[in-house]
């Protein structure tokens, strides 16, 4: 069994944090679309497959890298029509090689999973066209709801991984400062940085409130202004 297959249950509908995933993973591609370079598109990680329907008609060619056969199979079962429209390559990110250059490379909620984020970023910037962009999204250790939990005594470490994190295969959290340092280490220019979902309460608490779509949308829009407090951070990078 591929060791990445152990996390496949976190990509099924019954996962307890599907509420968060459904909100953020359908939102952040819309933010990326506003900043895309016309041309080719490489996405690291298939995950839930939420991003495909958003990106598919906005790019000339669409390649996805995924290391877990079980995640690929899960997507095929749930979205057989979409599956046929993209080029999915089964490979570990560390092993992928190509002579092709891409105009857009998206690492959406990937760097918290990999063993060596610096290796991944250095490797993939070589696959970028001169005018191309890299988009990175990661969970934020210093999000508002995590800080409230910290000061409320629910945790003594903002970067401690929860059981849900471990099920997802997470290895780390980031904060805004760490993400900026990562980009600078690899001589990548930070073009923009924004937040994804200003989340004030824990997931179960938000669900119990049965908030309207308008309020959820308000939290998403507010997040753009406050990356340091949002549930996740989105960074747009170009060649330095």
Protein backbone atom coordinates (compact mmCIF):
# COMPACT_ATOMS: atom_id res chain seq x y z
CA UNK A 1 0.00 0.00 0.00
CA UNK A 2 1.26 3.47 -0.93
CA UNK A 3 1.80 5.31 2.38
CA UNK A 4 -0.10 8.32 1.02
CA UNK A 5 -3.19 6.11 0.66
CA UNK A 6 -3.47 6.04 4.45
CA UNK A 7 -4.91 9.58 4.29
CA UNK A 8 -7.62 8.89 1.74
CA UNK A 9 -10.45 8.87 4.33
CA UNK A 10 -9.82 12.57 4.94
CA UNK A 11 -10.80 13.19 1.31
CA UNK A 12 -14.20 11.56 1.61
CA UNK A 13 -17.45 13.38 2.34
CA UNK A 14 -17.84 12.07 5.87
CA UNK A 15 -14.61 13.70 7.11
CA UNK A 16 -15.40 15.92 10.11
CA UNK A 17 -13.71 19.00 8.63
CA UNK A 18 -15.42 18.74 5.25
CA UNK A 19 -17.29 21.92 6.29
CA UNK A 20 -14.02 23.90 6.24
CA UNK A 21 -12.75 22.15 3.13
CA UNK A 22 -15.94 22.82 1.21
CA UNK A 23 -15.70 26.53 2.00
CA UNK A 24 -11.99 27.15 1.46
CA UNK A 25 -11.20 24.74 -1.36
CA UNK A 26 -14.00 26.14 -3.50
CA UNK A 27 -13.05 29.73 -2.69
CA UNK A 28 -9.29 30.07 -3.07
CA UNK A 29 -9.22 28.96 -6.74
CA UNK A 30 -11.45 31.96 -7.51
CA UNK A 31 -8.80 34.20 -5.98
CA UNK A 32 -6.07 32.53 -8.05
CA UNK A 33 -8.08 32.83 -11.27
CA UNK A 34 -7.97 36.63 -10.94
CA UNK A 35 -4.16 36.48 -11.01
CA UNK A 36 -3.46 33.69 -13.54
CA UNK A 37 -1.00 34.02 -16.39
CA UNK A 38 -2.48 32.93 -19.70
CA UNK A 39 -1.18 29.50 -20.76
CA UNK A 40 -0.27 26.19 -19.17
CA UNK A 41 -1.14 25.04 -15.67
CA UNK A 42 0.43 22.55 -13.27
CA UNK A 43 -1.26 21.66 -9.98
CA UNK A 44 0.44 19.69 -7.22
CA UNK A 45 -2.02 17.40 -5.48
CA UNK A 46 -5.48 16.22 -6.46
CA UNK A 47 -7.00 16.15 -2.98
CA UNK A 48 -10.77 16.57 -3.08
CA UNK A 49 -10.69 17.63 -6.73
CA UNK A 50 -12.68 20.76 -5.85
CA UNK A 51 -10.33 23.04 -7.78
CA UNK A 52 -10.63 21.33 -11.16
CA UNK A 53 -14.03 22.67 -12.16
CA UNK A 54 -12.84 26.18 -11.28
CA UNK A 55 -9.55 26.09 -13.19
CA UNK A 56 -10.41 23.82 -16.11
CA UNK A 57 -11.80 26.38 -18.54
CA UNK A 58 -9.37 29.13 -17.56
CA UNK A 59 -6.13 27.52 -18.82
CA UNK A 60 -4.77 26.11 -22.08
CA UNK A 61 -3.55 22.82 -20.61
CA UNK A 62 -4.08 21.28 -17.17
CA UNK A 63 -1.73 18.77 -15.51
CA UNK A 64 -2.16 17.42 -11.98
CA UNK A 65 0.43 15.49 -10.00
CA UNK A 66 -0.82 13.08 -7.31
CA UNK A 67 1.16 10.52 -5.35
CA UNK A 68 -1.75 8.49 -3.97
CA UNK A 69 -3.50 5.95 -6.21
CA UNK A 70 -6.34 5.79 -3.67
CA UNK A 71 -6.94 9.56 -3.88
CA UNK A 72 -6.97 9.32 -7.69
CA UNK A 73 -9.42 6.42 -7.54
CA UNK A 74 -11.65 8.32 -5.08
CA UNK A 75 -11.78 11.26 -7.46
CA UNK A 76 -12.55 8.98 -10.41
CA UNK A 77 -15.46 7.42 -8.51
CA UNK A 78 -16.91 10.80 -7.48
CA UNK A 79 -16.18 12.80 -10.65
CA UNK A 80 -15.77 10.47 -13.65
CA UNK A 81 -16.57 13.21 -16.19
CA UNK A 82 -14.04 15.69 -14.77
CA UNK A 83 -11.47 12.89 -14.49
CA UNK A 84 -11.40 12.57 -18.29
CA UNK A 85 -10.74 16.26 -18.87
CA UNK A 86 -7.41 16.64 -17.06
CA UNK A 87 -4.01 15.00 -17.29
CA UNK A 88 -3.45 13.29 -13.92
CA UNK A 89 0.05 11.90 -13.39
CA UNK A 90 0.62 9.48 -10.52
CA UNK A 91 3.95 10.47 -9.01
CA UNK A 92 5.57 11.76 -5.87
CA UNK A 93 6.28 15.47 -6.20
CA UNK A 94 9.93 14.79 -5.41
CA UNK A 95 10.25 12.37 -8.33
CA UNK A 96 8.52 14.31 -11.08
CA UNK A 97 10.70 15.44 -13.98
CA UNK A 98 9.79 17.23 -17.19
CA UNK A 99 11.27 19.43 -19.91
CA UNK A 100 8.04 21.42 -20.01
CA UNK A 101 7.77 24.90 -18.53
CA UNK A 102 4.50 26.01 -16.97
CA UNK A 103 2.93 29.47 -16.84
CA UNK A 104 1.13 28.70 -13.57
CA UNK A 105 2.08 26.28 -10.80
CA UNK A 106 -0.37 25.82 -7.94
CA UNK A 107 0.61 24.29 -4.60
CA UNK A 108 -2.73 24.44 -2.85
CA UNK A 109 -2.43 23.03 0.69
CA UNK A 110 0.60 20.95 -0.25
CA UNK A 111 3.64 22.29 1.60
CA UNK A 112 2.22 21.29 4.99
CA UNK A 113 2.27 17.66 3.77
CA UNK A 114 5.71 17.22 2.21
CA UNK A 115 8.86 16.14 4.01
CA UNK A 116 11.01 18.97 2.62
CA UNK A 117 9.12 22.11 1.47
CA UNK A 118 12.34 23.87 0.47
CA UNK A 119 13.26 21.04 -1.86
CA UNK A 120 9.81 21.18 -3.50
CA UNK A 121 9.83 24.92 -4.02
CA UNK A 122 13.36 24.96 -5.41
CA UNK A 123 12.57 22.06 -7.75
CA UNK A 124 9.34 23.47 -9.13
CA UNK A 125 10.51 27.02 -9.67
CA UNK A 126 12.74 25.50 -12.37
CA UNK A 127 9.59 24.40 -14.21
CA UNK A 128 8.25 27.98 -14.28
CA UNK A 129 8.26 30.17 -17.40
CA UNK A 130 10.07 33.53 -17.00
CA UNK A 131 6.76 35.38 -16.61
CA UNK A 132 5.06 32.53 -14.77
CA UNK A 133 3.60 32.47 -11.27
CA UNK A 134 3.57 30.06 -8.34
CA UNK A 135 0.55 30.07 -6.02
CA UNK A 136 0.88 28.62 -2.52
CA UNK A 137 -1.91 28.04 0.01
CA UNK A 138 -1.19 26.69 3.51
CA UNK A 139 -3.03 26.44 6.85
CA UNK A 140 -2.21 29.25 9.27
CA UNK A 141 -0.94 28.40 12.76
CA UNK A 142 -1.87 31.87 14.04
CA UNK A 143 -5.44 31.98 12.74
CA UNK A 144 -7.97 33.82 14.87
CA UNK A 145 -9.79 30.69 16.05
CA UNK A 146 -6.51 28.94 16.96
CA UNK A 147 -5.33 31.95 18.95
CA UNK A 148 -8.67 32.15 20.77
CA UNK A 149 -8.32 28.45 21.57
CA UNK A 150 -4.77 29.04 22.79
CA UNK A 151 -5.73 31.87 25.14
CA UNK A 152 -8.81 29.94 26.20
CA UNK A 153 -6.64 27.04 27.35
CA UNK A 154 -7.65 24.51 24.67
CA UNK A 155 -4.05 24.12 23.51
CA UNK A 156 -0.63 25.16 24.75
CA UNK A 157 0.98 25.19 21.30
CA UNK A 158 -0.39 27.00 18.24
CA UNK A 159 1.54 24.70 15.93
CA UNK A 160 0.47 21.44 17.54
CA UNK A 161 -1.07 19.08 15.00
CA UNK A 162 -4.56 17.82 15.82
CA UNK A 163 -5.88 14.32 15.17
CA UNK A 164 -7.56 15.70 12.05
CA UNK A 165 -4.23 17.15 10.88
CA UNK A 166 -2.58 13.78 11.29
CA UNK A 167 -5.39 12.05 9.40
CA UNK A 168 -4.86 14.53 6.57
CA UNK A 169 -1.14 13.77 6.58
CA UNK A 170 -0.08 17.21 7.79
CA UNK A 171 3.48 17.63 9.04
CA UNK A 172 3.46 21.33 9.96
CA UNK A 173 1.66 24.64 10.15
CA UNK A 174 2.89 27.93 8.76
CA UNK A 175 2.36 31.53 9.72
CA UNK A 176 2.63 34.61 7.51
CA UNK A 177 6.20 35.40 8.53
CA UNK A 178 7.44 31.85 7.89
CA UNK A 179 5.77 31.74 4.49
CA UNK A 180 7.41 35.01 3.46
CA UNK A 181 10.81 33.70 4.58
CA UNK A 182 10.30 30.54 2.54
CA UNK A 183 9.72 32.56 -0.63
CA UNK A 184 12.74 34.78 -0.02
CA UNK A 185 15.04 31.79 0.56
CA UNK A 186 14.32 30.72 -3.00
CA UNK A 187 14.65 34.17 -4.58
CA UNK A 188 10.96 34.33 -5.47
CA UNK A 189 9.21 37.68 -5.58
CA UNK A 190 6.10 38.01 -3.40
CA UNK A 191 3.46 39.55 -5.68
CA UNK A 192 0.59 39.33 -3.21
CA UNK A 193 -0.38 37.66 0.05
CA UNK A 194 -3.90 37.34 1.46
CA UNK A 195 -5.95 35.29 3.88
CA UNK A 196 -8.51 32.58 3.22
CA UNK A 197 -11.52 32.53 5.59
CA UNK A 198 -11.45 34.64 8.74
CA UNK A 199 -12.73 31.92 11.05
CA UNK A 200 -13.56 33.11 14.60
CA UNK A 201 -14.71 29.81 16.12
CA UNK A 202 -14.00 26.10 15.95
CA UNK A 203 -15.64 24.14 13.15
CA UNK A 204 -18.22 22.41 15.36
CA UNK A 205 -19.20 25.76 16.88
CA UNK A 206 -19.66 27.39 13.47
CA UNK A 207 -21.75 24.48 12.26
CA UNK A 208 -24.03 24.72 15.29
CA UNK A 209 -24.80 28.36 14.43
CA UNK A 210 -26.19 27.43 11.00
CA UNK A 211 -24.81 30.61 9.50
CA UNK A 212 -26.18 31.94 6.23
CA UNK A 213 -24.15 31.83 3.01
CA UNK A 214 -23.93 35.62 3.18
CA UNK A 215 -22.18 35.52 6.57
CA UNK A 216 -19.80 32.78 5.43
CA UNK A 217 -19.02 34.87 2.35
CA UNK A 218 -18.38 37.84 4.62
CA UNK A 219 -15.80 35.78 6.54
CA UNK A 220 -14.13 34.85 3.26
CA UNK A 221 -14.02 38.43 2.03
CA UNK A 222 -12.65 39.70 5.36
CA UNK A 223 -9.97 37.05 5.24
CA UNK A 224 -8.39 38.66 2.19
CA UNK A 225 -7.43 41.68 4.32
CA UNK A 226 -6.08 39.73 7.29
CA UNK A 227 -3.75 36.89 6.20
CA UNK A 228 -2.08 36.83 9.61
CA UNK A 229 -5.43 35.95 11.26
CA UNK A 230 -7.17 33.86 8.60
CA UNK A 231 -7.63 30.11 8.63
CA UNK A 232 -5.21 29.81 5.71
CA UNK A 233 -2.82 31.98 3.71
CA UNK A 234 -2.58 32.40 -0.06
CA UNK A 235 0.65 33.73 -1.58
CA UNK A 236 1.32 34.67 -5.21
CA UNK A 237 4.95 34.45 -6.33
CA UNK A 238 6.94 35.36 -9.42
CA UNK A 239 10.53 34.98 -10.52
CA UNK A 240 12.82 37.20 -8.47
